[in-house]
C-alpha cells in the first residue's frame, strides 16, 4: 500500500487527550474560534472544544468533513497534486477550515467574521504542531 493509506494504531491516554483539548482551547477557542474538532479520517471525533455557544451537530459535521476531505484528496491527485493539505469554506456568518494534522487526523475549526483567515491559519499551524508533539 502507498504511504497515503498506512494506518497506525493510535491510542490516547487521558493525559494525552487532556493535552490536545488544552491546545484546542488555548490556541483556538481563546483566539475567537467558535468550535474546534480533531477527527480521524473515518469521521470520528477524537477531541472537541467550543466557546459554549455551539449549536451545530458536530458528529454529522465530522462525518461529512472526512468525506469532503477524501473527495478533495482525490481531486488533488486528478490534477497532479500529492494532496491539498487544507480546505476553507466561507459562509455568510460561519466559516469552516480543515487542516490535515497528519496522515490519520484532521483539525476542523468553525469561526465567524471576527477572526481573520490569516490569524486562523497561523493559530491552526501552531496547534497542529503541538498536537503532533502529543504522540
N, C-alpha and C. Protein backbone atom coordinates (compact mmCIF):
# COMPACT_ATOMS: atom_id res chain seq x y z
N UNK A 1 0.83 -1.19 0.00
CA UNK A 1 0.00 0.00 0.00
C UNK A 1 0.87 1.25 0.00
N UNK A 2 0.37 2.32 -0.60
CA UNK A 2 1.07 3.59 -0.62
C UNK A 2 1.04 4.24 0.75
N UNK A 3 1.92 5.19 0.95
CA UNK A 3 2.02 5.83 2.26
C UNK A 3 0.76 6.60 2.64
N UNK A 4 -0.03 7.01 1.67
CA UNK A 4 -1.26 7.75 2.00
C UNK A 4 -2.31 6.87 2.65
N UNK A 5 -2.12 5.56 2.61
CA UNK A 5 -3.14 4.67 3.14
C UNK A 5 -2.66 3.86 4.33
N UNK A 6 -1.47 4.20 4.85
CA UNK A 6 -0.98 3.49 6.02
C UNK A 6 -1.82 3.88 7.23
N UNK A 7 -2.09 2.90 8.04
CA UNK A 7 -2.86 3.16 9.24
C UNK A 7 -2.05 2.66 10.43
N UNK A 8 -1.91 3.51 11.41
CA UNK A 8 -1.23 3.07 12.62
C UNK A 8 -2.26 3.05 13.73
N UNK A 9 -1.98 2.27 14.71
CA UNK A 9 -2.90 2.17 15.83
C UNK A 9 -2.65 3.34 16.77
N UNK A 10 -3.63 4.17 16.94
CA UNK A 10 -3.46 5.28 17.87
C UNK A 10 -4.32 5.01 19.10
N UNK A 11 -3.71 5.18 20.23
CA UNK A 11 -4.45 5.11 21.48
C UNK A 11 -4.04 6.32 22.28
N UNK A 12 -5.02 7.02 22.75
CA UNK A 12 -4.74 8.21 23.55
C UNK A 12 -5.08 7.93 24.99
N UNK A 13 -4.13 8.21 25.86
CA UNK A 13 -4.41 8.13 27.27
C UNK A 13 -5.14 9.39 27.71
N UNK A 14 -5.63 9.39 28.90
CA UNK A 14 -6.37 10.55 29.42
C UNK A 14 -5.50 11.81 29.41
N UNK A 15 -4.23 11.66 29.78
CA UNK A 15 -3.33 12.81 29.82
C UNK A 15 -3.12 13.39 28.42
N UNK A 16 -2.93 12.52 27.42
CA UNK A 16 -2.75 12.99 26.04
C UNK A 16 -4.01 13.69 25.54
N UNK A 17 -5.17 13.11 25.82
CA UNK A 17 -6.43 13.72 25.40
C UNK A 17 -6.60 15.09 26.05
N UNK A 18 -6.27 15.20 27.31
CA UNK A 18 -6.38 16.49 28.00
C UNK A 18 -5.41 17.52 27.41
N UNK A 19 -4.22 17.07 27.03
CA UNK A 19 -3.26 17.99 26.40
C UNK A 19 -3.79 18.49 25.06
N UNK A 20 -4.39 17.60 24.27
CA UNK A 20 -4.96 18.00 22.98
C UNK A 20 -6.12 18.98 23.20
N UNK A 21 -7.00 18.67 24.13
CA UNK A 21 -8.12 19.56 24.40
C UNK A 21 -7.64 20.91 24.90
N UNK A 22 -6.56 20.93 25.66
CA UNK A 22 -5.97 22.17 26.13
C UNK A 22 -5.45 23.00 24.96
N UNK A 23 -4.82 22.35 23.99
CA UNK A 23 -4.34 23.05 22.79
C UNK A 23 -5.53 23.64 22.03
N UNK A 24 -6.60 22.86 21.86
CA UNK A 24 -7.77 23.36 21.15
C UNK A 24 -8.34 24.58 21.86
N UNK A 25 -8.43 24.51 23.17
CA UNK A 25 -8.98 25.62 23.95
C UNK A 25 -8.07 26.83 23.95
N UNK A 26 -6.81 26.63 24.31
CA UNK A 26 -5.88 27.74 24.50
C UNK A 26 -5.46 28.39 23.18
N UNK A 27 -5.23 27.60 22.16
CA UNK A 27 -4.72 28.15 20.90
C UNK A 27 -5.83 28.59 19.95
N UNK A 28 -6.98 27.94 20.02
CA UNK A 28 -8.02 28.23 19.03
C UNK A 28 -9.24 28.93 19.61
N UNK A 29 -9.86 28.35 20.62
CA UNK A 29 -11.07 28.95 21.19
C UNK A 29 -10.76 30.34 21.76
N UNK A 30 -9.65 30.46 22.47
CA UNK A 30 -9.29 31.76 23.05
C UNK A 30 -8.90 32.78 21.99
N UNK A 31 -8.69 32.33 20.74
CA UNK A 31 -8.39 33.24 19.63
C UNK A 31 -9.65 33.67 18.90
N UNK A 32 -10.81 33.17 19.35
CA UNK A 32 -12.07 33.57 18.73
C UNK A 32 -12.76 32.50 17.91
N UNK A 33 -12.15 31.33 17.80
CA UNK A 33 -12.77 30.22 17.06
C UNK A 33 -14.00 29.76 17.84
N UNK A 34 -15.08 29.45 17.14
CA UNK A 34 -16.31 29.01 17.79
C UNK A 34 -16.20 27.55 18.25
N UNK A 35 -15.69 26.68 17.36
CA UNK A 35 -15.55 25.25 17.67
C UNK A 35 -14.29 24.72 17.02
N UNK A 36 -13.67 23.75 17.68
CA UNK A 36 -12.50 23.07 17.12
C UNK A 36 -12.67 21.58 17.37
N UNK A 37 -12.45 20.80 16.33
CA UNK A 37 -12.60 19.34 16.40
C UNK A 37 -11.35 18.67 15.85
N UNK A 38 -10.87 17.68 16.54
CA UNK A 38 -9.85 16.80 16.00
C UNK A 38 -10.58 15.51 15.65
N UNK A 39 -10.55 15.15 14.36
CA UNK A 39 -11.25 13.93 13.93
C UNK A 39 -10.27 13.00 13.23
N UNK A 40 -10.63 11.72 13.19
CA UNK A 40 -9.82 10.80 12.39
C UNK A 40 -10.39 10.80 10.97
N UNK A 41 -9.70 10.15 10.05
CA UNK A 41 -10.10 10.18 8.65
C UNK A 41 -11.41 9.43 8.39
N UNK A 42 -11.88 8.67 9.38
CA UNK A 42 -13.17 7.99 9.25
C UNK A 42 -14.32 8.88 9.72
N UNK A 43 -14.00 10.04 10.27
CA UNK A 43 -15.04 10.97 10.71
C UNK A 43 -15.40 10.86 12.18
N UNK A 44 -14.61 10.13 12.95
CA UNK A 44 -14.86 10.02 14.39
C UNK A 44 -14.22 11.20 15.11
N UNK A 45 -14.93 11.77 16.05
CA UNK A 45 -14.39 12.87 16.84
C UNK A 45 -13.46 12.30 17.91
N UNK A 46 -12.22 12.79 17.89
CA UNK A 46 -11.23 12.37 18.87
C UNK A 46 -11.23 13.35 20.05
N UNK A 47 -11.28 14.64 19.74
CA UNK A 47 -11.31 15.68 20.77
C UNK A 47 -12.10 16.86 20.22
N UNK A 48 -12.76 17.59 21.11
CA UNK A 48 -13.51 18.76 20.66
C UNK A 48 -13.53 19.80 21.76
N UNK A 49 -13.71 21.03 21.34
CA UNK A 49 -13.78 22.14 22.27
C UNK A 49 -14.58 23.23 21.58
N UNK A 50 -15.40 23.95 22.34
CA UNK A 50 -16.13 25.07 21.74
C UNK A 50 -16.26 26.20 22.74
N UNK A 51 -16.81 27.31 22.27
CA UNK A 51 -16.91 28.50 23.10
C UNK A 51 -18.15 28.51 24.00
N UNK A 52 -18.89 27.42 24.02
CA UNK A 52 -20.08 27.33 24.86
C UNK A 52 -21.36 27.72 24.14
N UNK A 53 -21.23 28.24 22.92
CA UNK A 53 -22.40 28.66 22.15
C UNK A 53 -22.64 27.81 20.92
N UNK A 54 -21.99 26.68 20.84
CA UNK A 54 -22.09 25.83 19.64
C UNK A 54 -23.41 25.09 19.62
N UNK A 55 -24.17 25.28 18.56
CA UNK A 55 -25.45 24.60 18.38
C UNK A 55 -25.40 23.62 17.21
N UNK A 56 -24.23 23.37 16.67
CA UNK A 56 -24.08 22.52 15.48
C UNK A 56 -24.07 21.04 15.85
N UNK A 57 -24.52 20.22 14.92
CA UNK A 57 -24.42 18.77 15.06
C UNK A 57 -23.00 18.38 14.66
N UNK A 58 -22.10 18.35 15.63
CA UNK A 58 -20.69 18.14 15.35
C UNK A 58 -20.39 16.73 14.87
N UNK A 59 -21.19 15.77 15.26
CA UNK A 59 -20.96 14.38 14.82
C UNK A 59 -21.24 14.23 13.33
N UNK A 60 -22.33 14.83 12.86
CA UNK A 60 -22.62 14.83 11.43
C UNK A 60 -21.57 15.63 10.68
N UNK A 61 -21.20 16.77 11.24
CA UNK A 61 -20.19 17.61 10.61
C UNK A 61 -18.88 16.84 10.45
N UNK A 62 -18.46 16.12 11.48
CA UNK A 62 -17.21 15.35 11.41
C UNK A 62 -17.26 14.29 10.32
N UNK A 63 -18.38 13.59 10.24
CA UNK A 63 -18.53 12.55 9.21
C UNK A 63 -18.48 13.16 7.81
N UNK A 64 -19.19 14.26 7.62
CA UNK A 64 -19.20 14.92 6.32
C UNK A 64 -17.84 15.54 5.99
N UNK A 65 -17.18 16.07 6.99
CA UNK A 65 -15.86 16.68 6.77
C UNK A 65 -14.85 15.64 6.30
N UNK A 66 -14.88 14.47 6.88
CA UNK A 66 -13.93 13.44 6.45
C UNK A 66 -14.21 13.02 5.01
N UNK A 67 -15.49 12.91 4.66
CA UNK A 67 -15.85 12.56 3.28
C UNK A 67 -15.44 13.68 2.32
N UNK A 68 -15.66 14.92 2.73
CA UNK A 68 -15.28 16.07 1.92
C UNK A 68 -13.77 16.08 1.69
N UNK A 69 -13.01 15.86 2.75
CA UNK A 69 -11.56 15.85 2.64
C UNK A 69 -11.10 14.73 1.72
N UNK A 70 -11.73 13.56 1.82
CA UNK A 70 -11.37 12.43 0.96
C UNK A 70 -11.66 12.76 -0.50
N UNK A 71 -12.78 13.41 -0.77
CA UNK A 71 -13.13 13.78 -2.14
C UNK A 71 -12.11 14.79 -2.69
N UNK A 72 -11.75 15.77 -1.90
CA UNK A 72 -10.78 16.78 -2.33
C UNK A 72 -9.40 16.15 -2.52
N UNK A 73 -9.07 15.18 -1.69
CA UNK A 73 -7.79 14.47 -1.83
C UNK A 73 -7.74 13.77 -3.19
N UNK A 74 -8.83 13.16 -3.58
CA UNK A 74 -8.90 12.50 -4.89
C UNK A 74 -8.81 13.53 -6.01
N UNK A 75 -9.47 14.69 -5.85
CA UNK A 75 -9.38 15.75 -6.86
C UNK A 75 -7.94 16.23 -7.00
N UNK A 76 -7.21 16.33 -5.89
CA UNK A 76 -5.81 16.76 -5.93
C UNK A 76 -5.01 15.81 -6.81
N UNK A 77 -5.22 14.53 -6.62
CA UNK A 77 -4.47 13.54 -7.40
C UNK A 77 -4.82 13.62 -8.88
N UNK A 78 -6.08 13.90 -9.19
CA UNK A 78 -6.50 14.03 -10.58
C UNK A 78 -5.77 15.17 -11.27
N UNK A 79 -5.53 16.26 -10.54
CA UNK A 79 -4.84 17.41 -11.15
C UNK A 79 -3.33 17.35 -10.93
N UNK A 80 -2.83 16.22 -10.42
CA UNK A 80 -1.40 16.02 -10.32
C UNK A 80 -0.76 16.49 -9.02
N UNK A 81 -1.55 16.79 -8.02
CA UNK A 81 -1.01 17.18 -6.72
C UNK A 81 -1.01 15.97 -5.80
N UNK A 82 -0.03 15.91 -4.92
CA UNK A 82 0.01 14.83 -3.92
C UNK A 82 -1.17 14.96 -2.98
N UNK A 83 -1.44 16.21 -2.55
CA UNK A 83 -2.57 16.46 -1.67
C UNK A 83 -2.85 17.95 -1.61
N UNK A 84 -4.03 18.29 -1.16
CA UNK A 84 -4.35 19.65 -0.73
C UNK A 84 -4.48 19.51 0.78
N UNK A 85 -3.56 20.09 1.51
CA UNK A 85 -3.49 19.81 2.94
C UNK A 85 -4.47 20.63 3.77
N UNK A 86 -5.09 21.64 3.14
CA UNK A 86 -6.11 22.37 3.89
C UNK A 86 -7.25 22.77 2.98
N UNK A 87 -8.41 22.95 3.58
CA UNK A 87 -9.62 23.39 2.88
C UNK A 87 -10.24 24.52 3.67
N UNK A 88 -10.92 25.39 2.97
CA UNK A 88 -11.58 26.51 3.62
C UNK A 88 -12.91 26.75 2.92
N UNK A 89 -13.98 26.84 3.70
CA UNK A 89 -15.30 27.15 3.16
C UNK A 89 -15.80 28.40 3.86
N UNK A 90 -16.11 29.42 3.07
CA UNK A 90 -16.56 30.71 3.62
C UNK A 90 -18.06 30.82 3.48
N UNK A 91 -18.70 31.15 4.60
CA UNK A 91 -20.13 31.38 4.60
C UNK A 91 -20.45 32.81 4.97
N UNK A 92 -21.72 33.13 5.01
CA UNK A 92 -22.11 34.49 5.36
C UNK A 92 -21.79 34.79 6.83
N UNK A 93 -22.07 33.82 7.71
CA UNK A 93 -21.84 34.03 9.14
C UNK A 93 -20.79 33.11 9.73
N UNK A 94 -20.64 31.92 9.19
CA UNK A 94 -19.70 30.94 9.73
C UNK A 94 -18.79 30.46 8.61
N UNK A 95 -17.57 30.17 8.98
CA UNK A 95 -16.57 29.63 8.06
C UNK A 95 -16.05 28.33 8.65
N UNK A 96 -15.62 27.45 7.77
CA UNK A 96 -15.03 26.18 8.23
C UNK A 96 -13.66 26.05 7.59
N UNK A 97 -12.69 25.71 8.40
CA UNK A 97 -11.33 25.49 7.95
C UNK A 97 -10.93 24.07 8.34
N UNK A 98 -10.41 23.32 7.38
CA UNK A 98 -9.94 21.96 7.61
C UNK A 98 -8.44 21.96 7.42
N UNK A 99 -7.72 21.34 8.30
CA UNK A 99 -6.28 21.21 8.14
C UNK A 99 -5.86 19.79 8.51
N UNK A 100 -5.04 19.22 7.67
CA UNK A 100 -4.53 17.87 7.94
C UNK A 100 -3.50 17.96 9.05
N UNK A 101 -3.68 17.17 10.10
CA UNK A 101 -2.74 17.16 11.21
C UNK A 101 -1.61 16.19 10.89
N UNK A 102 -1.97 15.03 10.43
CA UNK A 102 -1.02 14.02 9.96
C UNK A 102 -1.83 13.06 9.09
N UNK A 103 -1.28 11.94 8.77
CA UNK A 103 -1.95 11.01 7.85
C UNK A 103 -3.30 10.51 8.37
N UNK A 104 -3.50 10.58 9.68
CA UNK A 104 -4.71 10.00 10.27
C UNK A 104 -5.73 11.00 10.79
N UNK A 105 -5.35 12.27 10.94
CA UNK A 105 -6.23 13.21 11.63
C UNK A 105 -6.41 14.52 10.89
N UNK A 106 -7.59 15.10 11.07
CA UNK A 106 -7.92 16.42 10.56
C UNK A 106 -8.31 17.31 11.73
N UNK A 107 -7.95 18.57 11.62
CA UNK A 107 -8.38 19.57 12.58
C UNK A 107 -9.39 20.46 11.88
N UNK A 108 -10.59 20.52 12.42
CA UNK A 108 -11.66 21.33 11.84
C UNK A 108 -11.94 22.49 12.79
N UNK A 109 -11.96 23.69 12.24
CA UNK A 109 -12.30 24.85 13.03
C UNK A 109 -13.48 25.56 12.39
N UNK A 110 -14.40 26.01 13.23
CA UNK A 110 -15.56 26.79 12.80
C UNK A 110 -15.38 28.16 13.43
N UNK A 111 -15.46 29.20 12.61
CA UNK A 111 -15.22 30.55 13.12
C UNK A 111 -16.04 31.56 12.34
N UNK A 112 -16.22 32.72 12.93
CA UNK A 112 -17.02 33.77 12.33
C UNK A 112 -16.17 34.87 11.72
N UNK A 113 -16.84 35.95 11.36
CA UNK A 113 -16.19 37.09 10.69
C UNK A 113 -15.16 37.79 11.56
N UNK A 114 -15.28 37.64 12.87
CA UNK A 114 -14.38 38.36 13.78
C UNK A 114 -12.96 37.80 13.79
N UNK A 115 -12.74 36.65 13.17
CA UNK A 115 -11.40 36.05 13.10
C UNK A 115 -10.94 36.08 11.65
N UNK A 116 -9.78 36.67 11.41
CA UNK A 116 -9.27 36.72 10.04
C UNK A 116 -8.71 35.35 9.65
N UNK A 117 -8.79 35.05 8.36
CA UNK A 117 -8.28 33.77 7.87
C UNK A 117 -6.77 33.67 8.13
N UNK A 118 -6.05 34.77 7.99
CA UNK A 118 -4.61 34.75 8.23
C UNK A 118 -4.26 34.37 9.66
N UNK A 119 -4.96 35.01 10.61
CA UNK A 119 -4.73 34.68 12.02
C UNK A 119 -5.11 33.23 12.29
N UNK A 120 -6.23 32.81 11.75
CA UNK A 120 -6.66 31.44 11.96
C UNK A 120 -5.63 30.45 11.43
N UNK A 121 -5.12 30.68 10.24
CA UNK A 121 -4.13 29.76 9.66
C UNK A 121 -2.87 29.69 10.52
N UNK A 122 -2.45 30.84 11.07
CA UNK A 122 -1.30 30.86 11.96
C UNK A 122 -1.58 30.05 13.22
N UNK A 123 -2.73 30.27 13.84
CA UNK A 123 -3.10 29.57 15.07
C UNK A 123 -3.27 28.07 14.82
N UNK A 124 -3.86 27.71 13.69
CA UNK A 124 -4.03 26.29 13.35
C UNK A 124 -2.67 25.63 13.15
N UNK A 125 -1.76 26.30 12.47
CA UNK A 125 -0.42 25.73 12.25
C UNK A 125 0.27 25.46 13.58
N UNK A 126 0.16 26.41 14.52
CA UNK A 126 0.75 26.22 15.84
C UNK A 126 0.08 25.07 16.58
N UNK A 127 -1.24 25.00 16.49
CA UNK A 127 -1.98 23.93 17.17
C UNK A 127 -1.63 22.57 16.60
N UNK A 128 -1.51 22.47 15.27
CA UNK A 128 -1.16 21.20 14.62
C UNK A 128 0.20 20.73 15.11
N UNK A 129 1.15 21.65 15.20
CA UNK A 129 2.48 21.29 15.69
C UNK A 129 2.41 20.74 17.12
N UNK A 130 1.64 21.41 17.96
CA UNK A 130 1.51 20.96 19.36
C UNK A 130 0.78 19.63 19.46
N UNK A 131 -0.26 19.44 18.64
CA UNK A 131 -1.00 18.17 18.67
C UNK A 131 -0.09 17.04 18.22
N UNK A 132 0.69 17.26 17.17
CA UNK A 132 1.59 16.22 16.70
C UNK A 132 2.65 15.87 17.74
N UNK A 133 3.00 16.81 18.60
CA UNK A 133 4.01 16.53 19.63
C UNK A 133 3.44 15.68 20.77
N UNK A 134 2.13 15.56 20.84
CA UNK A 134 1.50 14.74 21.90
C UNK A 134 1.79 13.26 21.68
N UNK A 135 1.91 12.84 20.41
CA UNK A 135 2.15 11.42 20.14
C UNK A 135 3.58 11.07 20.33
